Amino acid sequence: MLYLPHLSTVQKILRRPFYYGMLEFRGELCEGKHEPLIAKDLFDEVQRVMARRGKKQRRRKHEFAFIGLMQCDVCGCAVTAEIQKGHHYYRCTKKKGNCSERYLREESLLEQVRKIVERVSLPDDWAENMLCKLDEEKDQTHSDCRAAVRCLGNEKRQIEHKLEKFLDMKLEGMIETEEYIPKKNKLLQRKADLDQRIRNSERNGNEWLEPMKEFVMQSSQAKKLLSQDDPQEFRAFLKTIGSNVLLKGQTLRPEAMRGWRVLLQNPRFRNWQNDGV
């Protein structure tokens, strides 16, 4: 018979710092001699996901594509959804009191989302040229990478010096164990982050290029969503653009991240199709 561990057991296992190169004994972190099994940033992301999913979710009778995504820009409350006469409507929850924001029908919401997708879609020739430039840039960033590694290495050595200093203070009785362990753990966490950043820089030397290339490709492929017309795909794309989507005056406004914000706000990008670019 196959034994399946309890969820709490799995969560306990996934919280072990062993995976990113640390050992823990009675709440105190120590550097392990083993190679990290995963990157520190991946470990941190796992902890964030477990924290989110640990919250009890109320089961819904109906699935609304955009629920949990938007926030009322009038009062700051969440935007919920309901069905009236067979149609999906989105509205402010008004948990902070009366709010002037009106209902928004899903069809109108979808039309606004389509326009947002159109505005952030790069034409194919622009995307192709940008990707070529990024490939050229890849060969010119090694010196900057080496400088960054030196800087990170200097910070790492400073942390190692602090760790030695704290250990000496503990051995000489100048600092109590209760004060020493939290300080040591904090420094070791920072050192692990620096080690990961150094490894990333030494491995690819162009860590900013891949996210940039991904942004260009996502923007170029965004127009394909218009032909698919899938609300769930639109939702996922809005979350890619930015983590916050605001609703005010029945108008949708995503708080876009830097690259997407340029595409949304620049009229040249907004009207590229009409300009014959």
C-alpha atoms as a PDB file:
ATOM      1  CA  MET A   1       0.000   0.000   0.000  1.00  0.00           C
ATOM      2  CA  LEU A   2       1.386   3.366  -1.046  1.00  0.00           C
ATOM      3  CA  TYR A   3       1.972   5.706   1.883  1.00  0.00           C
ATOM      4  CA  LEU A   4       1.205   9.370   1.277  1.00  0.00           C
ATOM      5  CA  PRO A   5       2.625  11.760   3.882  1.00  0.00           C
ATOM      6  CA  HIS A   6       0.353  14.306   5.517  1.00  0.00           C
ATOM      7  CA  LEU A   7       0.359  17.792   4.014  1.00  0.00           C
ATOM      8  CA  SER A   8       1.902  19.283   7.153  1.00  0.00           C
ATOM      9  CA  THR A   9       4.775  16.787   6.870  1.00  0.00           C
ATOM     10  CA  VAL A  10       5.445  17.823   3.273  1.00  0.00           C
ATOM     11  CA  GLN A  11       5.361  21.507   4.247  1.00  0.00           C
ATOM     12  CA  LYS A  12       7.808  20.856   7.078  1.00  0.00           C
ATOM     13  CA  ILE A  13      10.188  19.132   4.654  1.00  0.00           C
ATOM     14  CA  LEU A  14       9.960  22.003   2.155  1.00  0.00           C
ATOM     15  CA  ARG A  15      10.868  24.520   4.869  1.00  0.00           C
ATOM     16  CA  ARG A  16      14.237  22.924   5.538  1.00  0.00           C
ATOM     17  CA  PRO A  17      17.146  25.270   4.695  1.00  0.00           C
ATOM     18  CA  PHE A  18      19.153  22.163   3.725  1.00  0.00           C
ATOM     19  CA  TYR A  19      17.907  22.578   0.157  1.00  0.00           C
ATOM     20  CA  TYR A  20      19.723  25.904  -0.398  1.00  0.00           C
ATOM     21  CA  GLY A  21      22.931  24.879   1.353  1.00  0.00           C
ATOM     22  CA  MET A  22      22.255  25.534   5.046  1.00  0.00           C
ATOM     23  CA  LEU A  23      21.824  23.298   8.096  1.00  0.00           C
ATOM     24  CA  GLU A  24      19.614  24.115  11.066  1.00  0.00           C
ATOM     25  CA  PHE A  25      20.100  22.941  14.640  1.00  0.00           C
ATOM     26  CA  ARG A  26      17.801  24.174  17.404  1.00  0.00           C
ATOM     27  CA  GLY A  27      16.899  27.263  15.429  1.00  0.00           C
ATOM     28  CA  GLU A  28      20.503  28.150  14.554  1.00  0.00           C
ATOM     29  CA  LEU A  29      21.646  28.161  10.919  1.00  0.00           C
ATOM     30  CA  CYS A  30      25.034  26.787   9.878  1.00  0.00           C
ATOM     31  CA  GLU A  31      26.636  26.666   6.449  1.00  0.00           C
ATOM     32  CA  GLY A  32      26.603  23.149   5.021  1.00  0.00           C
ATOM     33  CA  LYS A  33      29.456  21.554   3.100  1.00  0.00           C
ATOM     34  CA  HIS A  34      27.062  20.149   0.503  1.00  0.00           C
ATOM     35  CA  GLU A  35      26.162  21.785  -2.801  1.00  0.00           C
ATOM     36  CA  PRO A  36      22.789  23.575  -2.700  1.00  0.00           C
ATOM     37  CA  LEU A  37      20.075  21.484  -4.329  1.00  0.00           C
ATOM     38  CA  ILE A  38      18.076  24.528  -5.398  1.00  0.00           C
ATOM     39  CA  ALA A  39      18.625  28.280  -5.705  1.00  0.00           C
ATOM     40  CA  LYS A  40      17.895  30.427  -2.659  1.00  0.00           C
ATOM     41  CA  ASP A  41      15.379  32.536  -4.593  1.00  0.00           C
ATOM     42  CA  LEU A  42      13.466  29.375  -5.575  1.00  0.00           C
ATOM     43  CA  PHE A  43      13.373  28.304  -1.918  1.00  0.00           C
ATOM     44  CA  ASP A  44      12.020  31.746  -0.955  1.00  0.00           C
ATOM     45  CA  GLU A  45       9.358  31.513  -3.665  1.00  0.00           C
ATOM     46  CA  VAL A  46       8.266  28.090  -2.346  1.00  0.00           C
ATOM     47  CA  GLN A  47       7.816  29.625   1.121  1.00  0.00           C
ATOM     48  CA  ARG A  48       5.686  32.440  -0.333  1.00  0.00           C
ATOM     49  CA  VAL A  49       3.509  29.986  -2.269  1.00  0.00           C
ATOM     50  CA  MET A  50       2.978  27.801   0.809  1.00  0.00           C
ATOM     51  CA  ALA A  51       2.058  30.876   2.855  1.00  0.00           C
ATOM     52  CA  ARG A  52      -0.542  31.895   0.260  1.00  0.00           C
ATOM     53  CA  ARG A  53      -2.023  28.441  -0.188  1.00  0.00           C
ATOM     54  CA  GLY A  54      -2.122  27.869   3.545  1.00  0.00           C
ATOM     55  CA  LYS A  55      -4.940  30.393   3.787  1.00  0.00           C
ATOM     56  CA  LYS A  56      -8.347  28.753   3.697  1.00  0.00           C
ATOM     57  CA  GLN A  57     -10.174  29.524   0.463  1.00  0.00           C
ATOM     58  CA  ARG A  58     -13.947  29.737   0.323  1.00  0.00           C
ATOM     59  CA  ARG A  59     -15.422  27.573  -2.414  1.00  0.00           C
ATOM     60  CA  ARG A  60     -17.426  29.457  -5.029  1.00  0.00           C
ATOM     61  CA  LYS A  61     -20.567  28.315  -6.808  1.00  0.00           C
ATOM     62  CA  HIS A  62     -19.488  29.989 -10.040  1.00  0.00           C
ATOM     63  CA  GLU A  63     -16.118  30.622 -11.633  1.00  0.00           C
ATOM     64  CA  PHE A  64     -15.540  34.241 -12.595  1.00  0.00           C
ATOM     65  CA  ALA A  65     -12.490  34.832 -14.764  1.00  0.00           C
ATOM     66  CA  PHE A  66     -11.424  38.135 -13.203  1.00  0.00           C
ATOM     67  CA  ILE A  67     -12.420  37.727  -9.562  1.00  0.00           C
ATOM     68  CA  GLY A  68      -9.607  38.314  -7.081  1.00  0.00           C
ATOM     69  CA  LEU A  69      -7.675  40.295  -9.677  1.00  0.00           C
ATOM     70  CA  MET A  70      -9.089  43.818  -9.369  1.00  0.00           C
ATOM     71  CA  GLN A  71      -9.217  46.463  -6.667  1.00  0.00           C
ATOM     72  CA  CYS A  72     -11.608  49.406  -6.439  1.00  0.00           C
ATOM     73  CA  ASP A  73      -9.665  52.608  -7.085  1.00  0.00           C
ATOM     74  CA  VAL A  74     -12.317  54.675  -5.269  1.00  0.00           C
ATOM     75  CA  CYS A  75     -12.252  53.083  -1.808  1.00  0.00           C
ATOM     76  CA  GLY A  76      -9.495  50.457  -2.041  1.00  0.00           C
ATOM     77  CA  CYS A  77     -11.743  47.433  -1.479  1.00  0.00           C
ATOM     78  CA  ALA A  78     -11.570  44.245  -3.513  1.00  0.00           C
ATOM     79  CA  VAL A  79     -13.776  43.785  -6.566  1.00  0.00           C
ATOM     80  CA  THR A  80     -16.114  40.798  -6.465  1.00  0.00           C
ATOM     81  CA  ALA A  81     -18.503  39.288  -9.022  1.00  0.00           C
ATOM     82  CA  GLU A  82     -22.064  38.009  -9.172  1.00  0.00           C
ATOM     83  CA  ILE A  83     -24.634  36.793 -11.675  1.00  0.00           C
ATOM     84  CA  GLN A  84     -27.718  38.845 -12.466  1.00  0.00           C
ATOM     85  CA  LYS A  85     -30.240  37.786 -15.116  1.00  0.00           C
ATOM     86  CA  GLY A  86     -27.720  35.384 -16.621  1.00  0.00           C
ATOM     87  CA  HIS A  87     -24.914  37.940 -16.956  1.00  0.00           C
ATOM     88  CA  HIS A  88     -21.667  38.277 -14.995  1.00  0.00           C
ATOM     89  CA  TYR A  89     -21.198  41.614 -13.220  1.00  0.00           C
ATOM     90  CA  TYR A  90     -18.191  42.921 -11.296  1.00  0.00           C
ATOM     91  CA  ARG A  91     -18.595  45.357  -8.411  1.00  0.00           C
ATOM     92  CA  CYS A  92     -16.829  46.794  -5.384  1.00  0.00           C
ATOM     93  CA  THR A  93     -17.368  44.765  -2.202  1.00  0.00           C
ATOM     94  CA  LYS A  94     -17.958  48.059  -0.290  1.00  0.00           C
ATOM     95  CA  LYS A  95     -16.511  46.514   2.861  1.00  0.00           C
ATOM     96  CA  LYS A  96     -15.324  49.926   4.025  1.00  0.00           C
ATOM     97  CA  GLY A  97     -18.759  51.507   3.621  1.00  0.00           C
ATOM     98  CA  ASN A  98     -20.614  53.222   0.791  1.00  0.00           C
ATOM     99  CA  CYS A  99     -18.774  53.465  -2.537  1.00  0.00           C
ATOM    100  CA  SER A 100     -19.759  55.290  -5.714  1.00  0.00           C
ATOM    101  CA  GLU A 101     -18.251  52.674  -8.049  1.00  0.00           C
ATOM    102  CA  ARG A 102     -20.942  51.108 -10.257  1.00  0.00           C
ATOM    103  CA  TYR A 103     -21.419  47.575 -11.569  1.00  0.00           C
ATOM    104  CA  LEU A 104     -19.399  46.571 -14.629  1.00  0.00           C
ATOM    105  CA  ARG A 105     -20.659  43.873 -16.970  1.00  0.00           C
ATOM    106  CA  GLU A 106     -18.106  41.224 -17.960  1.00  0.00           C
ATOM    107  CA  GLU A 107     -18.600  41.881 -21.679  1.00  0.00           C
ATOM    108  CA  SER A 108     -17.556  45.505 -21.174  1.00  0.00           C
ATOM    109  CA  LEU A 109     -14.650  44.399 -19.004  1.00  0.00           C
ATOM    110  CA  LEU A 110     -13.449  41.983 -21.687  1.00  0.00           C
ATOM    111  CA  GLU A 111     -13.602  44.708 -24.330  1.00  0.00           C
ATOM    112  CA  GLN A 112     -11.363  46.923 -22.181  1.00  0.00           C
ATOM    113  CA  VAL A 113      -8.945  44.039 -21.640  1.00  0.00           C
ATOM    114  CA  ARG A 114      -8.749  43.474 -25.410  1.00  0.00           C
ATOM    115  CA  LYS A 115      -7.831  47.139 -25.919  1.00  0.00           C
ATOM    116  CA  ILE A 116      -5.120  46.866 -23.259  1.00  0.00           C
ATOM    117  CA  VAL A 117      -3.699  43.813 -25.027  1.00  0.00           C
ATOM    118  CA  GLU A 118      -3.697  45.703 -28.336  1.00  0.00           C
ATOM    119  CA  ARG A 119      -1.849  48.640 -26.751  1.00  0.00           C
ATOM    120  CA  VAL A 120       0.970  46.529 -25.331  1.00  0.00           C
ATOM    121  CA  SER A 121       1.429  44.336 -28.423  1.00  0.00           C
ATOM    122  CA  LEU A 122       4.694  44.997 -30.257  1.00  0.00           C
ATOM    123  CA  PRO A 123       4.697  44.634 -34.055  1.00  0.00           C
ATOM    124  CA  ASP A 124       6.660  41.620 -35.250  1.00  0.00           C
ATOM    125  CA  ASP A 125       9.390  43.615 -37.012  1.00  0.00           C
ATOM    126  CA  TRP A 126       9.992  45.753 -33.922  1.00  0.00           C
ATOM    127  CA  ALA A 127      10.259  42.655 -31.758  1.00  0.00           C
ATOM    128  CA  GLU A 128      12.653  41.014 -34.217  1.00  0.00           C
ATOM    129  CA  ASN A 129      14.932  44.073 -34.264  1.00  0.00           C
ATOM    130  CA  MET A 130      14.894  44.345 -30.475  1.00  0.00           C
ATOM    131  CA  LEU A 131      15.795  40.676 -30.066  1.00  0.00           C
ATOM    132  CA  CYS A 132      18.713  41.106 -32.484  1.00  0.00           C
ATOM    133  CA  LYS A 133      19.986  44.097 -30.493  1.00  0.00           C
ATOM    134  CA  LEU A 134      19.714  42.113 -27.271  1.00  0.00           C
ATOM    135  CA  ASP A 135      21.770  39.304 -28.779  1.00  0.00           C
ATOM    136  CA  GLU A 136      24.454  41.850 -29.714  1.00  0.00           C
ATOM    137  CA  GLU A 137      24.338  43.357 -26.227  1.00  0.00           C
ATOM    138  CA  LYS A 138      24.943  39.949 -24.701  1.00  0.00           C
ATOM    139  CA  ASP A 139      28.529  39.987 -25.965  1.00  0.00           C
ATOM    140  CA  GLN A 140      29.288  43.427 -24.495  1.00  0.00           C
ATOM    141  CA  THR A 141      28.341  43.006 -20.846  1.00  0.00           C
ATOM    142  CA  HIS A 142      31.070  40.727 -19.490  1.00  0.00           C
ATOM    143  CA  SER A 143      33.126  43.567 -18.001  1.00  0.00           C
ATOM    144  CA  ASP A 144      30.073  44.920 -16.161  1.00  0.00           C
ATOM    145  CA  CYS A 145      29.384  41.401 -14.933  1.00  0.00           C
ATOM    146  CA  ARG A 146      32.905  41.025 -13.564  1.00  0.00           C
ATOM    147  CA  ALA A 147      32.586  44.356 -11.745  1.00  0.00           C
ATOM    148  CA  ALA A 148      29.290  43.233 -10.230  1.00  0.00           C
ATOM    149  CA  VAL A 149      30.833  39.949  -9.073  1.00  0.00           C
ATOM    150  CA  ARG A 150      33.685  41.869  -7.430  1.00  0.00           C
ATOM    151  CA  CYS A 151      31.205  44.127  -5.658  1.00  0.00           C
ATOM    152  CA  LEU A 152      29.139  41.178  -4.441  1.00  0.00           C
ATOM    153  CA  GLY A 153      32.323  39.417  -3.350  1.00  0.00           C
ATOM    154  CA  ASN A 154      33.359  42.452  -1.294  1.00  0.00           C
ATOM    155  CA  GLU A 155      29.984  42.511   0.440  1.00  0.00           C
ATOM    156  CA  LYS A 156      30.258  38.778   1.100  1.00  0.00           C
ATOM    157  CA  ARG A 157      33.682  39.240   2.706  1.00  0.00           C
ATOM    158  CA  GLN A 158      32.282  41.991   4.928  1.00  0.00           C
ATOM    159  CA  ILE A 159      29.571  39.610   6.107  1.00  0.00           C
ATOM    160  CA  GLU A 160      32.143  36.882   6.778  1.00  0.00           C
ATOM    161  CA  HIS A 161      34.126  39.396   8.834  1.00  0.00           C
ATOM    162  CA  LYS A 162      31.006  40.269  10.839  1.00  0.00           C
ATOM    163  CA  LEU A 163      30.298  36.573  11.434  1.00  0.00           C
ATOM    164  CA  GLU A 164      33.827  36.089  12.790  1.00  0.00           C
ATOM    165  CA  LYS A 165      33.454  39.182  14.963  1.00  0.00           C
ATOM    166  CA  PHE A 166      30.143  37.990  16.424  1.00  0.00           C
ATOM    167  CA  LEU A 167      31.618  34.535  17.090  1.00  0.00           C
ATOM    168  CA  ASP A 168      34.582  36.069  18.936  1.00  0.00           C
ATOM    169  CA  MET A 169      32.207  38.211  20.989  1.00  0.00           C
ATOM    170  CA  LYS A 170      30.153  35.133  21.895  1.00  0.00           C
ATOM    171  CA  LEU A 171      33.219  33.094  22.854  1.00  0.00           C
ATOM    172  CA  GLU A 172      34.464  35.948  25.034  1.00  0.00           C
ATOM    173  CA  GLY A 173      31.091  36.253  26.748  1.00  0.00           C
ATOM    174  CA  MET A 174      30.409  39.718  25.342  1.00  0.00           C
ATOM    175  CA  ILE A 175      27.128  38.627  23.742  1.00  0.00           C
ATOM    176  CA  GLU A 176      24.483  36.145  24.908  1.00  0.00           C
ATOM    177  CA  THR A 177      23.387  33.151  22.815  1.00  0.00           C
ATOM    178  CA  GLU A 178      19.835  34.550  22.558  1.00  0.00           C
ATOM    179  CA  GLU A 179      21.223  37.659  20.865  1.00  0.00           C
ATOM    180  CA  TYR A 180      23.944  35.884  18.881  1.00  0.00           C
ATOM    181  CA  ILE A 181      21.797  33.303  17.044  1.00  0.00           C
ATOM    182  CA  PRO A 182      19.312  35.758  15.396  1.00  0.00           C
ATOM    183  CA  LYS A 183      22.160  38.028  14.259  1.00  0.00           C
ATOM    184  CA  LYS A 184      24.137  35.077  12.909  1.00  0.00           C
ATOM    185  CA  ASN A 185      21.096  33.643  11.117  1.00  0.00           C
ATOM    186  CA  LYS A 186      20.338  36.988   9.471  1.00  0.00           C
ATOM    187  CA  LEU A 187      23.914  37.343   8.216  1.00  0.00           C
ATOM    188  CA  LEU A 188      23.979  33.765   6.905  1.00  0.00           C
ATOM    189  CA  GLN A 189      20.709  34.348   5.041  1.00  0.00           C
ATOM    190  CA  ARG A 190      22.209  37.439   3.425  1.00  0.00           C
ATOM    191  CA  LYS A 191      25.396  35.549   2.584  1.00  0.00           C
ATOM    192  CA  ALA A 192      23.348  32.774   0.938  1.00  0.00           C
ATOM    193  CA  ASP A 193      21.551  35.391  -1.172  1.00  0.00           C
ATOM    194  CA  LEU A 194      24.891  36.873  -2.237  1.00  0.00           C
ATOM    195  CA  ASP A 195      26.289  33.433  -3.094  1.00  0.00           C
ATOM    196  CA  GLN A 196      23.272  32.824  -5.319  1.00  0.00           C
ATOM    197  CA  ARG A 197      23.662  36.190  -7.063  1.00  0.00           C
ATOM    198  CA  ILE A 198      27.367  35.547  -7.628  1.00  0.00           C
ATOM    199  CA  ARG A 199      26.620  32.111  -9.104  1.00  0.00           C
ATOM    200  CA  ASN A 200      23.949  33.605 -11.360  1.00  0.00           C
ATOM    201  CA  SER A 201      26.315  36.316 -12.607  1.00  0.00           C
ATOM    202  CA  GLU A 202      29.188  33.914 -13.193  1.00  0.00           C
ATOM    203  CA  ARG A 203      26.921  31.462 -14.975  1.00  0.00           C
ATOM    204  CA  ASN A 204      25.295  33.734 -17.522  1.00  0.00           C
ATOM    205  CA  GLY A 205      26.810  37.197 -17.053  1.00  0.00           C
ATOM    206  CA  ASN A 206      23.715  38.768 -18.603  1.00  0.00           C
ATOM    207  CA  GLU A 207      21.008  38.092 -16.061  1.00  0.00           C
ATOM    208  CA  TRP A 208      18.970  41.100 -17.145  1.00  0.00           C
ATOM    209  CA  LEU A 209      18.895  40.074 -20.806  1.00  0.00           C
ATOM    210  CA  GLU A 210      16.732  36.968 -20.450  1.00  0.00           C
ATOM    211  CA  PRO A 211      13.881  38.787 -18.650  1.00  0.00           C
ATOM    212  CA  MET A 212      14.112  41.531 -21.284  1.00  0.00           C
ATOM    213  CA  LYS A 213      13.943  39.009 -24.131  1.00  0.00           C
ATOM    214  CA  GLU A 214      10.999  37.321 -22.428  1.00  0.00           C
ATOM    215  CA  PHE A 215       9.239  40.680 -22.145  1.00  0.00           C
ATOM    216  CA  VAL A 216       9.750  41.407 -25.860  1.00  0.00           C
ATOM    217  CA  MET A 217       8.490  37.959 -26.878  1.00  0.00           C
ATOM    218  CA  GLN A 218       5.465  38.172 -24.570  1.00  0.00           C
ATOM    219  CA  SER A 219       4.601  41.576 -25.982  1.00  0.00           C
ATOM    220  CA  SER A 220       4.993  40.315 -29.543  1.00  0.00           C
ATOM    221  CA  GLN A 221       2.804  37.272 -28.890  1.00  0.00           C
ATOM    222  CA  ALA A 222       0.138  39.176 -26.931  1.00  0.00           C
ATOM    223  CA  LYS A 223      -1.947  39.802 -30.041  1.00  0.00           C
ATOM    224  CA  LYS A 224      -2.533  36.040 -30.359  1.00  0.00           C
ATOM    225  CA  LEU A 225      -4.762  36.298 -27.281  1.00  0.00           C
ATOM    226  CA  LEU A 226      -7.191  38.383 -29.314  1.00  0.00           C
ATOM    227  CA  SER A 227      -7.894  35.469 -31.647  1.00  0.00           C
ATOM    228  CA  GLN A 228      -8.189  32.961 -28.783  1.00  0.00           C
ATOM    229  CA  ASP A 229     -10.589  35.223 -26.833  1.00  0.00           C
ATOM    230  CA  ASP A 230     -10.163  33.151 -23.650  1.00  0.00           C
ATOM    231  CA  PRO A 231     -11.011  35.101 -20.433  1.00  0.00           C
ATOM    232  CA  GLN A 232      -8.655  32.943 -18.349  1.00  0.00           C
ATOM    233  CA  GLU A 233      -5.777  33.688 -20.743  1.00  0.00           C
ATOM    234  CA  PHE A 234      -6.600  37.407 -20.560  1.00  0.00           C
ATOM    235  CA  ARG A 235      -6.523  37.183 -16.761  1.00  0.00           C
ATOM    236  CA  ALA A 236      -3.110  35.493 -16.797  1.00  0.00           C
ATOM    237  CA  PHE A 237      -1.782  38.156 -19.168  1.00  0.00           C
ATOM    238  CA  LEU A 238      -3.020  41.000 -16.952  1.00  0.00           C
ATOM    239  CA  LYS A 239      -1.128  39.444 -14.030  1.00  0.00           C
ATOM    240  CA  THR A 240       1.968  39.362 -16.251  1.00  0.00           C
ATOM    241  CA  ILE A 241       1.658  43.087 -16.952  1.00  0.00           C
ATOM    242  CA  GLY A 242       1.402  44.035 -13.273  1.00  0.00           C
ATOM    243  CA  SER A 243       0.281  42.773  -9.897  1.00  0.00           C
ATOM    244  CA  ASN A 244      -2.377  45.449  -9.350  1.00  0.00           C
ATOM    245  CA  VAL A 245      -5.427  46.093 -11.546  1.00  0.00           C
ATOM    246  CA  LEU A 246      -7.623  49.033 -10.534  1.00  0.00           C
ATOM    247  CA  LEU A 247     -11.260  49.759 -11.389  1.00  0.00           C
ATOM    248  CA  LYS A 248     -12.653  53.299 -11.340  1.00  0.00           C
ATOM    249  CA  GLY A 249     -15.613  54.806 -13.179  1.00  0.00           C
ATOM    250  CA  GLN A 250     -16.192  51.388 -14.792  1.00  0.00           C
ATOM    251  CA  THR A 251     -12.745  51.746 -16.366  1.00  0.00           C
ATOM    252  CA  LEU A 252      -9.974  49.200 -15.964  1.00  0.00           C
ATOM    253  CA  ARG A 253      -6.458  50.478 -15.248  1.00  0.00           C
ATOM    254  CA  PRO A 254      -3.584  48.064 -14.697  1.00  0.00           C
ATOM    255  CA  GLU A 255      -0.676  49.364 -12.616  1.00  0.00           C
ATOM    256  CA  ALA A 256       1.838  48.046 -15.095  1.00  0.00           C
ATOM    257  CA  MET A 257       5.449  47.203 -14.416  1.00  0.00           C
ATOM    258  CA  ARG A 258       8.129  49.333 -16.059  1.00  0.00           C
ATOM    259  CA  GLY A 259       8.357  47.846 -19.558  1.00  0.00           C
ATOM    260  CA  TRP A 260       4.627  47.343 -19.920  1.00  0.00           C
ATOM    261  CA  ARG A 261       3.993  50.829 -18.530  1.00  0.00           C
ATOM    262  CA  VAL A 262       5.982  52.354 -21.396  1.00  0.00           C
ATOM    263  CA  LEU A 263       3.877  50.494 -23.960  1.00  0.00           C
ATOM    264  CA  LEU A 264       0.616  51.502 -22.269  1.00  0.00           C
ATOM    265  CA  GLN A 265       1.445  55.200 -21.892  1.00  0.00           C
ATOM    266  CA  ASN A 266       3.378  56.000 -25.076  1.00  0.00           C
ATOM    267  CA  PRO A 267       1.047  57.131 -27.905  1.00  0.00           C
ATOM    268  CA  ARG A 268       3.584  55.982 -30.502  1.00  0.00           C
ATOM    269  CA  PHE A 269       3.256  52.416 -29.303  1.00  0.00           C
ATOM    270  CA  ARG A 270      -0.473  52.771 -28.808  1.00  0.00           C
ATOM    271  CA  ASN A 271      -1.162  53.708 -32.437  1.00  0.00           C
ATOM    272  CA  TRP A 272       1.467  51.626 -34.221  1.00  0.00           C
ATOM    273  CA  GLN A 273      -1.129  49.626 -36.146  1.00  0.00           C
ATOM    274  CA  ASN A 274      -2.772  52.761 -37.527  1.00  0.00           C
ATOM    275  CA  ASP A 275       0.597  54.298 -38.411  1.00  0.00           C
ATOM    276  CA  GLY A 276       1.493  51.403 -40.668  1.00  0.00           C
ATOM    277  CA  VAL A 277       4.633  50.597 -38.712  1.00  0.00           C
END
